[in-house]
């Protein structure tokens, strides 16, 4: 039972790591786009 729990925990840990990396990649892309938009808007404001 402990071995099964450990294996399941390994899967859950890997899933959490994968999800975090995917979110980081998505947010990084979104932040780049937002930063670019912000720069364009700032120039227009000037």
ModelCIF file with pLDDT and N, C-alpha, C, O atoms, coordinates in Angstrom:
data_MODEL
#
_entry.id   MODEL 
#
_entity.id                         1 
_entity.type                       polymer 
_entity.pdbx_number_of_molecules   1 
#
_entity_poly.entity_id                      1 
_entity_poly.type                           'polypeptide(L)' 
_entity_poly.nstd_linkage                   no 
_entity_poly.nstd_monomer                   no 
_entity_poly.pdbx_seq_one_letter_code       
;(UNK)(UNK)(UNK)(UNK)(UNK)(UNK)(UNK)(UNK)(UNK)(UNK)(UNK)(UNK)(UNK)(UNK)(UNK)(UNK)
(UNK)(UNK)(UNK)(UNK)(UNK)(UNK)(UNK)(UNK)(UNK)(UNK)(UNK)(UNK)(UNK)(UNK)(UNK)(UNK)
(UNK)(UNK)(UNK)(UNK)(UNK)(UNK)(UNK)(UNK)(UNK)(UNK)(UNK)(UNK)(UNK)(UNK)
;
_entity_poly.pdbx_seq_one_letter_code_can   XXXXXXXXXXXXXXXXXXXXXXXXXXXXXXXXXXXXXXXXXXXXXX 
_entity_poly.pdbx_strand_id                 A 
#
loop_
_entity_poly_seq.entity_id 
_entity_poly_seq.num 
_entity_poly_seq.mon_id 
_entity_poly_seq.hetero 
1 1  UNK n 
1 2  UNK n 
1 3  UNK n 
1 4  UNK n 
1 5  UNK n 
1 6  UNK n 
1 7  UNK n 
1 8  UNK n 
1 9  UNK n 
1 10 UNK n 
1 11 UNK n 
1 12 UNK n 
1 13 UNK n 
1 14 UNK n 
1 15 UNK n 
1 16 UNK n 
1 17 UNK n 
1 18 UNK n 
1 19 UNK n 
1 20 UNK n 
1 21 UNK n 
1 22 UNK n 
1 23 UNK n 
1 24 UNK n 
1 25 UNK n 
1 26 UNK n 
1 27 UNK n 
1 28 UNK n 
1 29 UNK n 
1 30 UNK n 
1 31 UNK n 
1 32 UNK n 
1 33 UNK n 
1 34 UNK n 
1 35 UNK n 
1 36 UNK n 
1 37 UNK n 
1 38 UNK n 
1 39 UNK n 
1 40 UNK n 
1 41 UNK n 
1 42 UNK n 
1 43 UNK n 
1 44 UNK n 
1 45 UNK n 
1 46 UNK n 
#
_struct_asym.id          A 
_struct_asym.entity_id   1 
#
loop_
_ma_qa_metric.id 
_ma_qa_metric.mode 
_ma_qa_metric.name 
_ma_qa_metric.software_group_id 
_ma_qa_metric.type 
1 global pLDDT . pLDDT 
2 local  pLDDT . pLDDT 
#
_ma_qa_metric_global.metric_id      1 
_ma_qa_metric_global.metric_value   95.83 
_ma_qa_metric_global.model_id       1 
_ma_qa_metric_global.ordinal_id     1 
#
loop_
_ma_qa_metric_local.label_asym_id 
_ma_qa_metric_local.label_comp_id 
_ma_qa_metric_local.label_seq_id 
_ma_qa_metric_local.metric_id 
_ma_qa_metric_local.metric_value 
_ma_qa_metric_local.model_id 
_ma_qa_metric_local.ordinal_id 
A UNK 1  2 96.00 1 1  
A UNK 2  2 96.00 1 2  
A UNK 3  2 96.00 1 3  
A UNK 4  2 96.00 1 4  
A UNK 5  2 96.00 1 5  
A UNK 6  2 96.00 1 6  
A UNK 7  2 97.00 1 7  
A UNK 8  2 97.00 1 8  
A UNK 9  2 97.00 1 9  
A UNK 10 2 97.00 1 10 
A UNK 11 2 97.00 1 11 
A UNK 12 2 97.00 1 12 
A UNK 13 2 96.00 1 13 
A UNK 14 2 97.00 1 14 
A UNK 15 2 97.00 1 15 
A UNK 16 2 96.00 1 16 
A UNK 17 2 96.00 1 17 
A UNK 18 2 96.00 1 18 
A UNK 19 2 95.00 1 19 
A UNK 20 2 95.00 1 20 
A UNK 21 2 96.00 1 21 
A UNK 22 2 96.00 1 22 
A UNK 23 2 94.00 1 23 
A UNK 24 2 94.00 1 24 
A UNK 25 2 95.00 1 25 
A UNK 26 2 94.00 1 26 
A UNK 27 2 93.00 1 27 
A UNK 28 2 94.00 1 28 
A UNK 29 2 95.00 1 29 
A UNK 30 2 94.00 1 30 
A UNK 31 2 94.00 1 31 
A UNK 32 2 95.00 1 32 
A UNK 33 2 96.00 1 33 
A UNK 34 2 95.00 1 34 
A UNK 35 2 95.00 1 35 
A UNK 36 2 96.00 1 36 
A UNK 37 2 96.00 1 37 
A UNK 38 2 96.00 1 38 
A UNK 39 2 96.00 1 39 
A UNK 40 2 97.00 1 40 
A UNK 41 2 97.00 1 41 
A UNK 42 2 97.00 1 42 
A UNK 43 2 97.00 1 43 
A UNK 44 2 97.00 1 44 
A UNK 45 2 96.00 1 45 
A UNK 46 2 97.00 1 46 
#
loop_
_atom_site.group_PDB 
_atom_site.id 
_atom_site.type_symbol 
_atom_site.label_atom_id 
_atom_site.label_alt_id 
_atom_site.label_comp_id 
_atom_site.label_asym_id 
_atom_site.label_entity_id 
_atom_site.label_seq_id 
_atom_site.pdbx_PDB_ins_code 
_atom_site.Cartn_x 
_atom_site.Cartn_y 
_atom_site.Cartn_z 
_atom_site.occupancy 
_atom_site.B_iso_or_equiv 
_atom_site.pdbx_formal_charge 
_atom_site.auth_seq_id 
_atom_site.auth_comp_id 
_atom_site.auth_asym_id 
_atom_site.auth_atom_id 
_atom_site.pdbx_PDB_model_num 
ATOM 1   N N  . UNK A 1 1  ? 0.826  -1.206 0.000   1.00 96.00 ? 1  UNK A N  1 
ATOM 2   C CA . UNK A 1 1  ? 0.000  0.000  0.000   1.00 96.00 ? 1  UNK A CA 1 
ATOM 3   C C  . UNK A 1 1  ? 0.863  1.260  0.000   1.00 96.00 ? 1  UNK A C  1 
ATOM 4   O O  . UNK A 1 1  ? 0.568  2.231  -0.696  1.00 96.00 ? 1  UNK A O  1 
ATOM 5   N N  . UNK A 1 2  ? 1.935  1.224  0.795   1.00 96.00 ? 2  UNK A N  1 
ATOM 6   C CA . UNK A 1 2  ? 2.846  2.374  0.854   1.00 96.00 ? 2  UNK A CA 1 
ATOM 7   C C  . UNK A 1 2  ? 3.548  2.581  -0.484  1.00 96.00 ? 2  UNK A C  1 
ATOM 8   O O  . UNK A 1 2  ? 3.778  3.714  -0.906  1.00 96.00 ? 2  UNK A O  1 
ATOM 9   N N  . UNK A 1 3  ? 3.889  1.468  -1.150  1.00 96.00 ? 3  UNK A N  1 
ATOM 10  C CA . UNK A 1 3  ? 4.552  1.569  -2.450  1.00 96.00 ? 3  UNK A CA 1 
ATOM 11  C C  . UNK A 1 3  ? 3.611  2.197  -3.482  1.00 96.00 ? 3  UNK A C  1 
ATOM 12  O O  . UNK A 1 3  ? 4.023  3.047  -4.272  1.00 96.00 ? 3  UNK A O  1 
ATOM 13  N N  . UNK A 1 4  ? 2.339  1.768  -3.467  1.00 96.00 ? 4  UNK A N  1 
ATOM 14  C CA . UNK A 1 4  ? 1.342  2.333  -4.392  1.00 96.00 ? 4  UNK A CA 1 
ATOM 15  C C  . UNK A 1 4  ? 1.147  3.819  -4.112  1.00 96.00 ? 4  UNK A C  1 
ATOM 16  O O  . UNK A 1 4  ? 1.063  4.633  -5.032  1.00 96.00 ? 4  UNK A O  1 
ATOM 17  N N  . UNK A 1 5  ? 1.076  4.163  -2.809  1.00 96.00 ? 5  UNK A N  1 
ATOM 18  C CA . UNK A 1 5  ? 0.922  5.582  -2.443  1.00 96.00 ? 5  UNK A CA 1 
ATOM 19  C C  . UNK A 1 5  ? 2.117  6.402  -2.910  1.00 96.00 ? 5  UNK A C  1 
ATOM 20  O O  . UNK A 1 5  ? 1.959  7.530  -3.377  1.00 96.00 ? 5  UNK A O  1 
ATOM 21  N N  . UNK A 1 6  ? 3.310  5.832  -2.782  1.00 96.00 ? 6  UNK A N  1 
ATOM 22  C CA . UNK A 1 6  ? 4.521  6.537  -3.202  1.00 96.00 ? 6  UNK A CA 1 
ATOM 23  C C  . UNK A 1 6  ? 4.528  6.729  -4.716  1.00 96.00 ? 6  UNK A C  1 
ATOM 24  O O  . UNK A 1 6  ? 4.912  7.790  -5.209  1.00 96.00 ? 6  UNK A O  1 
ATOM 25  N N  . UNK A 1 7  ? 4.100  5.698  -5.458  1.00 97.00 ? 7  UNK A N  1 
ATOM 26  C CA . UNK A 1 7  ? 4.052  5.800  -6.919  1.00 97.00 ? 7  UNK A CA 1 
ATOM 27  C C  . UNK A 1 7  ? 3.021  6.841  -7.358  1.00 97.00 ? 7  UNK A C  1 
ATOM 28  O O  . UNK A 1 7  ? 3.272  7.641  -8.259  1.00 97.00 ? 7  UNK A O  1 
ATOM 29  N N  . UNK A 1 8  ? 1.855  6.816  -6.705  1.00 97.00 ? 8  UNK A N  1 
ATOM 30  C CA . UNK A 1 8  ? 0.826  7.811  -7.019  1.00 97.00 ? 8  UNK A CA 1 
ATOM 31  C C  . UNK A 1 8  ? 1.302  9.219  -6.679  1.00 97.00 ? 8  UNK A C  1 
ATOM 32  O O  . UNK A 1 8  ? 1.016  10.178 -7.397  1.00 97.00 ? 8  UNK A O  1 
ATOM 33  N N  . UNK A 1 9  ? 2.029  9.325  -5.578  1.00 97.00 ? 9  UNK A N  1 
ATOM 34  C CA . UNK A 1 9  ? 2.556  10.630 -5.173  1.00 97.00 ? 9  UNK A CA 1 
ATOM 35  C C  . UNK A 1 9  ? 3.588  11.123 -6.187  1.00 97.00 ? 9  UNK A C  1 
ATOM 36  O O  . UNK A 1 9  ? 3.663  12.318 -6.474  1.00 97.00 ? 9  UNK A O  1 
ATOM 37  N N  . UNK A 1 10 ? 4.380  10.197 -6.727  1.00 97.00 ? 10 UNK A N  1 
ATOM 38  C CA . UNK A 1 10 ? 5.349  10.564 -7.772  1.00 97.00 ? 10 UNK A CA 1 
ATOM 39  C C  . UNK A 1 10 ? 4.627  11.147 -8.983  1.00 97.00 ? 10 UNK A C  1 
ATOM 40  O O  . UNK A 1 10 ? 5.054  12.149 -9.558  1.00 97.00 ? 10 UNK A O  1 
ATOM 41  N N  . UNK A 1 11 ? 3.517  10.496 -9.360  1.00 97.00 ? 11 UNK A N  1 
ATOM 42  C CA . UNK A 1 11 ? 2.726  10.958 -10.508 1.00 97.00 ? 11 UNK A CA 1 
ATOM 43  C C  . UNK A 1 11 ? 2.122  12.337 -10.232 1.00 97.00 ? 11 UNK A C  1 
ATOM 44  O O  . UNK A 1 11 ? 2.138  13.222 -11.088 1.00 97.00 ? 11 UNK A O  1 
ATOM 45  N N  . UNK A 1 12 ? 1.581  12.502 -9.001  1.00 97.00 ? 12 UNK A N  1 
ATOM 46  C CA . UNK A 1 12 ? 0.979  13.796 -8.641  1.00 97.00 ? 12 UNK A CA 1 
ATOM 47  C C  . UNK A 1 12 ? 2.028  14.904 -8.634  1.00 97.00 ? 12 UNK A C  1 
ATOM 48  O O  . UNK A 1 12 ? 1.766  16.030 -9.057  1.00 97.00 ? 12 UNK A O  1 
ATOM 49  N N  . UNK A 1 13 ? 3.214  14.564 -8.147  1.00 96.00 ? 13 UNK A N  1 
ATOM 50  C CA . UNK A 1 13 ? 4.299  15.553 -8.104  1.00 96.00 ? 13 UNK A CA 1 
ATOM 51  C C  . UNK A 1 13 ? 4.722  15.938 -9.515  1.00 96.00 ? 13 UNK A C  1 
ATOM 52  O O  . UNK A 1 13 ? 4.925  17.116 -9.809  1.00 96.00 ? 13 UNK A O  1 
ATOM 53  N N  . UNK A 1 14 ? 4.854  14.942 -10.388 1.00 97.00 ? 14 UNK A N  1 
ATOM 54  C CA . UNK A 1 14 ? 5.243  15.221 -11.769 1.00 97.00 ? 14 UNK A CA 1 
ATOM 55  C C  . UNK A 1 14 ? 4.170  16.037 -12.483 1.00 97.00 ? 14 UNK A C  1 
ATOM 56  O O  . UNK A 1 14 ? 4.474  16.927 -13.277 1.00 97.00 ? 14 UNK A O  1 
ATOM 57  N N  . UNK A 1 15 ? 2.899  15.716 -12.184 1.00 97.00 ? 15 UNK A N  1 
ATOM 58  C CA . UNK A 1 15 ? 1.791  16.462 -12.780 1.00 97.00 ? 15 UNK A CA 1 
ATOM 59  C C  . UNK A 1 15 ? 1.822  17.924 -12.340 1.00 97.00 ? 15 UNK A C  1 
ATOM 60  O O  . UNK A 1 15 ? 1.600  18.830 -13.144 1.00 97.00 ? 15 UNK A O  1 
ATOM 61  N N  . UNK A 1 16 ? 2.102  18.143 -11.050 1.00 96.00 ? 16 UNK A N  1 
ATOM 62  C CA . UNK A 1 16 ? 2.176  19.514 -10.532 1.00 96.00 ? 16 UNK A CA 1 
ATOM 63  C C  . UNK A 1 16 ? 3.339  20.269 -11.171 1.00 96.00 ? 16 UNK A C  1 
ATOM 64  O O  . UNK A 1 16 ? 3.215  21.452 -11.487 1.00 96.00 ? 16 UNK A O  1 
ATOM 65  N N  . UNK A 1 17 ? 4.470  19.584 -11.362 1.00 96.00 ? 17 UNK A N  1 
ATOM 66  C CA . UNK A 1 17 ? 5.627  20.219 -11.996 1.00 96.00 ? 17 UNK A CA 1 
ATOM 67  C C  . UNK A 1 17 ? 5.324  20.591 -13.450 1.00 96.00 ? 17 UNK A C  1 
ATOM 68  O O  . UNK A 1 17 ? 5.654  21.683 -13.911 1.00 96.00 ? 17 UNK A O  1 
ATOM 69  N N  . UNK A 1 18 ? 4.682  19.647 -14.162 1.00 96.00 ? 18 UNK A N  1 
ATOM 70  C CA . UNK A 1 18 ? 4.339  19.896 -15.569 1.00 96.00 ? 18 UNK A CA 1 
ATOM 71  C C  . UNK A 1 18 ? 3.365  21.056 -15.698 1.00 96.00 ? 18 UNK A C  1 
ATOM 72  O O  . UNK A 1 18 ? 3.519  21.924 -16.558 1.00 96.00 ? 18 UNK A O  1 
ATOM 73  N N  . UNK A 1 19 ? 2.354  21.055 -14.824 1.00 95.00 ? 19 UNK A N  1 
ATOM 74  C CA . UNK A 1 19 ? 1.357  22.125 -14.859 1.00 95.00 ? 19 UNK A CA 1 
ATOM 75  C C  . UNK A 1 19 ? 2.010  23.475 -14.583 1.00 95.00 ? 19 UNK A C  1 
ATOM 76  O O  . UNK A 1 19 ? 1.692  24.469 -15.236 1.00 95.00 ? 19 UNK A O  1 
ATOM 77  N N  . UNK A 1 20 ? 2.918  23.508 -13.623 1.00 95.00 ? 20 UNK A N  1 
ATOM 78  C CA . UNK A 1 20 ? 3.599  24.758 -13.285 1.00 95.00 ? 20 UNK A CA 1 
ATOM 79  C C  . UNK A 1 20 ? 4.440  25.253 -14.462 1.00 95.00 ? 20 UNK A C  1 
ATOM 80  O O  . UNK A 1 20 ? 4.446  26.447 -14.763 1.00 95.00 ? 20 UNK A O  1 
ATOM 81  N N  . UNK A 1 21 ? 5.146  24.343 -15.123 1.00 96.00 ? 21 UNK A N  1 
ATOM 82  C CA . UNK A 1 21 ? 5.975  24.738 -16.266 1.00 96.00 ? 21 UNK A CA 1 
ATOM 83  C C  . UNK A 1 21 ? 5.118  25.258 -17.416 1.00 96.00 ? 21 UNK A C  1 
ATOM 84  O O  . UNK A 1 21 ? 5.483  26.224 -18.086 1.00 96.00 ? 21 UNK A O  1 
ATOM 85  N N  . UNK A 1 22 ? 3.970  24.604 -17.640 1.00 96.00 ? 22 UNK A N  1 
ATOM 86  C CA . UNK A 1 22 ? 3.068  25.053 -18.708 1.00 96.00 ? 22 UNK A CA 1 
ATOM 87  C C  . UNK A 1 22 ? 2.508  26.447 -18.412 1.00 96.00 ? 22 UNK A C  1 
ATOM 88  O O  . UNK A 1 22 ? 2.431  27.307 -19.290 1.00 96.00 ? 22 UNK A O  1 
ATOM 89  N N  . UNK A 1 23 ? 2.121  26.643 -17.150 1.00 94.00 ? 23 UNK A N  1 
ATOM 90  C CA . UNK A 1 23 ? 1.582  27.944 -16.745 1.00 94.00 ? 23 UNK A CA 1 
ATOM 91  C C  . UNK A 1 23 ? 2.661  29.020 -16.855 1.00 94.00 ? 23 UNK A C  1 
ATOM 92  O O  . UNK A 1 23 ? 2.391  30.135 -17.300 1.00 94.00 ? 23 UNK A O  1 
ATOM 93  N N  . UNK A 1 24 ? 3.875  28.681 -16.449 1.00 94.00 ? 24 UNK A N  1 
ATOM 94  C CA . UNK A 1 24 ? 4.980  29.638 -16.553 1.00 94.00 ? 24 UNK A CA 1 
ATOM 95  C C  . UNK A 1 24 ? 5.209  30.044 -18.008 1.00 94.00 ? 24 UNK A C  1 
ATOM 96  O O  . UNK A 1 24 ? 5.417  31.218 -18.314 1.00 94.00 ? 24 UNK A O  1 
ATOM 97  N N  . UNK A 1 25 ? 5.168  29.052 -18.897 1.00 95.00 ? 25 UNK A N  1 
ATOM 98  C CA . UNK A 1 25 ? 5.377  29.333 -20.319 1.00 95.00 ? 25 UNK A CA 1 
ATOM 99  C C  . UNK A 1 25 ? 4.254  30.205 -20.869 1.00 95.00 ? 25 UNK A C  1 
ATOM 100 O O  . UNK A 1 25 ? 4.498  31.151 -21.618 1.00 95.00 ? 25 UNK A O  1 
ATOM 101 N N  . UNK A 1 26 ? 3.005  29.872 -20.484 1.00 94.00 ? 26 UNK A N  1 
ATOM 102 C CA . UNK A 1 26 ? 1.866  30.658 -20.970 1.00 94.00 ? 26 UNK A CA 1 
ATOM 103 C C  . UNK A 1 26 ? 1.926  32.081 -20.436 1.00 94.00 ? 26 UNK A C  1 
ATOM 104 O O  . UNK A 1 26 ? 1.751  33.041 -21.186 1.00 94.00 ? 26 UNK A O  1 
ATOM 105 N N  . UNK A 1 27 ? 2.175  32.212 -19.135 1.00 93.00 ? 27 UNK A N  1 
ATOM 106 C CA . UNK A 1 27 ? 2.228  33.546 -18.532 1.00 93.00 ? 27 UNK A CA 1 
ATOM 107 C C  . UNK A 1 27 ? 3.380  34.359 -19.100 1.00 93.00 ? 27 UNK A C  1 
ATOM 108 O O  . UNK A 1 27 ? 3.253  35.565 -19.313 1.00 93.00 ? 27 UNK A O  1 
ATOM 109 N N  . UNK A 1 28 ? 4.505  33.696 -19.345 1.00 94.00 ? 28 UNK A N  1 
ATOM 110 C CA . UNK A 1 28 ? 5.650  34.401 -19.911 1.00 94.00 ? 28 UNK A CA 1 
ATOM 111 C C  . UNK A 1 28 ? 5.302  34.971 -21.281 1.00 94.00 ? 28 UNK A C  1 
ATOM 112 O O  . UNK A 1 28 ? 5.666  36.102 -21.604 1.00 94.00 ? 28 UNK A O  1 
ATOM 113 N N  . UNK A 1 29 ? 4.592  34.177 -22.082 1.00 95.00 ? 29 UNK A N  1 
ATOM 114 C CA . UNK A 1 29 ? 4.170  34.637 -23.404 1.00 95.00 ? 29 UNK A CA 1 
ATOM 115 C C  . UNK A 1 29 ? 3.163  35.783 -23.290 1.00 95.00 ? 29 UNK A C  1 
ATOM 116 O O  . UNK A 1 29 ? 3.239  36.771 -24.020 1.00 95.00 ? 29 UNK A O  1 
ATOM 117 N N  . UNK A 1 30 ? 2.207  35.624 -22.347 1.00 94.00 ? 30 UNK A N  1 
ATOM 118 C CA . UNK A 1 30 ? 1.207  36.672 -22.135 1.00 94.00 ? 30 UNK A CA 1 
ATOM 119 C C  . UNK A 1 30 ? 1.867  37.957 -21.644 1.00 94.00 ? 30 UNK A C  1 
ATOM 120 O O  . UNK A 1 30 ? 1.515  39.051 -22.083 1.00 94.00 ? 30 UNK A O  1 
ATOM 121 N N  . UNK A 1 31 ? 2.818  37.817 -20.737 1.00 94.00 ? 31 UNK A N  1 
ATOM 122 C CA . UNK A 1 31 ? 3.494  38.990 -20.191 1.00 94.00 ? 31 UNK A CA 1 
ATOM 123 C C  . UNK A 1 31 ? 4.297  39.725 -21.268 1.00 94.00 ? 31 UNK A C  1 
ATOM 124 O O  . UNK A 1 31 ? 4.367  40.954 -21.268 1.00 94.00 ? 31 UNK A O  1 
ATOM 125 N N  . UNK A 1 32 ? 4.899  38.963 -22.181 1.00 95.00 ? 32 UNK A N  1 
ATOM 126 C CA . UNK A 1 32 ? 5.634  39.587 -23.278 1.00 95.00 ? 32 UNK A CA 1 
ATOM 127 C C  . UNK A 1 32 ? 4.685  40.399 -24.153 1.00 95.00 ? 32 UNK A C  1 
ATOM 128 O O  . UNK A 1 32 ? 4.990  41.527 -24.542 1.00 95.00 ? 32 UNK A O  1 
ATOM 129 N N  . UNK A 1 33 ? 3.524  39.806 -24.457 1.00 96.00 ? 33 UNK A N  1 
ATOM 130 C CA . UNK A 1 33 ? 2.538  40.508 -25.287 1.00 96.00 ? 33 UNK A CA 1 
ATOM 131 C C  . UNK A 1 33 ? 2.003  41.749 -24.575 1.00 96.00 ? 33 UNK A C  1 
ATOM 132 O O  . UNK A 1 33 ? 1.856  42.816 -25.171 1.00 96.00 ? 33 UNK A O  1 
ATOM 133 N N  . UNK A 1 34 ? 1.715  41.577 -23.273 1.00 95.00 ? 34 UNK A N  1 
ATOM 134 C CA . UNK A 1 34 ? 1.196  42.707 -22.508 1.00 95.00 ? 34 UNK A CA 1 
ATOM 135 C C  . UNK A 1 34 ? 2.232  43.821 -22.396 1.00 95.00 ? 34 UNK A C  1 
ATOM 136 O O  . UNK A 1 34 ? 1.900  45.002 -22.504 1.00 95.00 ? 34 UNK A O  1 
ATOM 137 N N  . UNK A 1 35 ? 3.467  43.443 -22.182 1.00 95.00 ? 35 UNK A N  1 
ATOM 138 C CA . UNK A 1 35 ? 4.538  44.440 -22.078 1.00 95.00 ? 35 UNK A CA 1 
ATOM 139 C C  . UNK A 1 35 ? 4.707  45.184 -23.397 1.00 95.00 ? 35 UNK A C  1 
ATOM 140 O O  . UNK A 1 35 ? 4.932  46.395 -23.420 1.00 95.00 ? 35 UNK A O  1 
ATOM 141 N N  . UNK A 1 36 ? 4.593  44.432 -24.501 1.00 96.00 ? 36 UNK A N  1 
ATOM 142 C CA . UNK A 1 36 ? 4.682  45.053 -25.822 1.00 96.00 ? 36 UNK A CA 1 
ATOM 143 C C  . UNK A 1 36 ? 3.522  46.023 -26.036 1.00 96.00 ? 36 UNK A C  1 
ATOM 144 O O  . UNK A 1 36 ? 3.710  47.130 -26.539 1.00 96.00 ? 36 UNK A O  1 
ATOM 145 N N  . UNK A 1 37 ? 2.302  45.587 -25.641 1.00 96.00 ? 37 UNK A N  1 
ATOM 146 C CA . UNK A 1 37 ? 1.132  46.465 -25.760 1.00 96.00 ? 37 UNK A CA 1 
ATOM 147 C C  . UNK A 1 37 ? 1.277  47.705 -24.891 1.00 96.00 ? 37 UNK A C  1 
ATOM 148 O O  . UNK A 1 37 ? 0.911  48.810 -25.290 1.00 96.00 ? 37 UNK A O  1 
ATOM 149 N N  . UNK A 1 38 ? 1.812  47.502 -23.709 1.00 96.00 ? 38 UNK A N  1 
ATOM 150 C CA . UNK A 1 38 ? 2.000  48.624 -22.792 1.00 96.00 ? 38 UNK A CA 1 
ATOM 151 C C  . UNK A 1 38 ? 2.966  49.645 -23.378 1.00 96.00 ? 38 UNK A C  1 
ATOM 152 O O  . UNK A 1 38 ? 2.747  50.851 -23.270 1.00 96.00 ? 38 UNK A O  1 
ATOM 153 N N  . UNK A 1 39 ? 4.035  49.157 -23.999 1.00 96.00 ? 39 UNK A N  1 
ATOM 154 C CA . UNK A 1 39 ? 5.012  50.059 -24.614 1.00 96.00 ? 39 UNK A CA 1 
ATOM 155 C C  . UNK A 1 39 ? 4.376  50.858 -25.746 1.00 96.00 ? 39 UNK A C  1 
ATOM 156 O O  . UNK A 1 39 ? 4.611  52.059 -25.880 1.00 96.00 ? 39 UNK A O  1 
ATOM 157 N N  . UNK A 1 40 ? 3.557  50.169 -26.570 1.00 97.00 ? 40 UNK A N  1 
ATOM 158 C CA . UNK A 1 40 ? 2.893  50.848 -27.687 1.00 97.00 ? 40 UNK A CA 1 
ATOM 159 C C  . UNK A 1 40 ? 1.916  51.901 -27.182 1.00 97.00 ? 40 UNK A C  1 
ATOM 160 O O  . UNK A 1 40 ? 1.823  52.996 -27.737 1.00 97.00 ? 40 UNK A O  1 
ATOM 161 N N  . UNK A 1 41 ? 1.189  51.554 -26.121 1.00 97.00 ? 41 UNK A N  1 
ATOM 162 C CA . UNK A 1 41 ? 0.231  52.498 -25.539 1.00 97.00 ? 41 UNK A CA 1 
ATOM 163 C C  . UNK A 1 41 ? 0.945  53.696 -24.914 1.00 97.00 ? 41 UNK A C  1 
ATOM 164 O O  . UNK A 1 41 ? 0.476  54.830 -25.005 1.00 97.00 ? 41 UNK A O  1 
ATOM 165 N N  . UNK A 1 42 ? 2.068  53.431 -24.287 1.00 97.00 ? 42 UNK A N  1 
ATOM 166 C CA . UNK A 1 42 ? 2.846  54.514 -23.672 1.00 97.00 ? 42 UNK A CA 1 
ATOM 167 C C  . UNK A 1 42 ? 3.346  55.488 -24.740 1.00 97.00 ? 42 UNK A C  1 
ATOM 168 O O  . UNK A 1 42 ? 3.331  56.703 -24.539 1.00 97.00 ? 42 UNK A O  1 
ATOM 169 N N  . UNK A 1 43 ? 3.784  54.949 -25.864 1.00 97.00 ? 43 UNK A N  1 
ATOM 170 C CA . UNK A 1 43 ? 4.230  55.813 -26.966 1.00 97.00 ? 43 UNK A CA 1 
ATOM 171 C C  . UNK A 1 43 ? 3.068  56.651 -27.495 1.00 97.00 ? 43 UNK A C  1 
ATOM 172 O O  . UNK A 1 43 ? 3.223  57.838 -27.782 1.00 97.00 ? 43 UNK A O  1 
ATOM 173 N N  . UNK A 1 44 ? 1.897  56.011 -27.619 1.00 97.00 ? 44 UNK A N  1 
ATOM 174 C CA . UNK A 1 44 ? 0.721  56.740 -28.087 1.00 97.00 ? 44 UNK A CA 1 
ATOM 175 C C  . UNK A 1 44 ? 0.330  57.824 -27.089 1.00 97.00 ? 44 UNK A C  1 
ATOM 176 O O  . UNK A 1 44 ? -0.102 58.911 -27.473 1.00 97.00 ? 44 UNK A O  1 
ATOM 177 N N  . UNK A 1 45 ? 0.484  57.517 -25.809 1.00 96.00 ? 45 UNK A N  1 
ATOM 178 C CA . UNK A 1 45 ? 0.169  58.487 -24.756 1.00 96.00 ? 45 UNK A CA 1 
ATOM 179 C C  . UNK A 1 45 ? 1.092  59.698 -24.849 1.00 96.00 ? 45 UNK A C  1 
ATOM 180 O O  . UNK A 1 45 ? 0.665  60.836 -24.649 1.00 96.00 ? 45 UNK A O  1 
ATOM 181 N N  . UNK A 1 46 ? 2.330  59.444 -25.149 1.00 97.00 ? 46 UNK A N  1 
ATOM 182 C CA . UNK A 1 46 ? 3.295  60.543 -25.284 1.00 97.00 ? 46 UNK A CA 1 
ATOM 183 C C  . UNK A 1 46 ? 2.931  61.440 -26.460 1.00 97.00 ? 46 UNK A C  1 
ATOM 184 O O  . UNK A 1 46 ? 3.627  62.418 -26.729 1.00 97.00 ? 46 UNK A O  1 
#
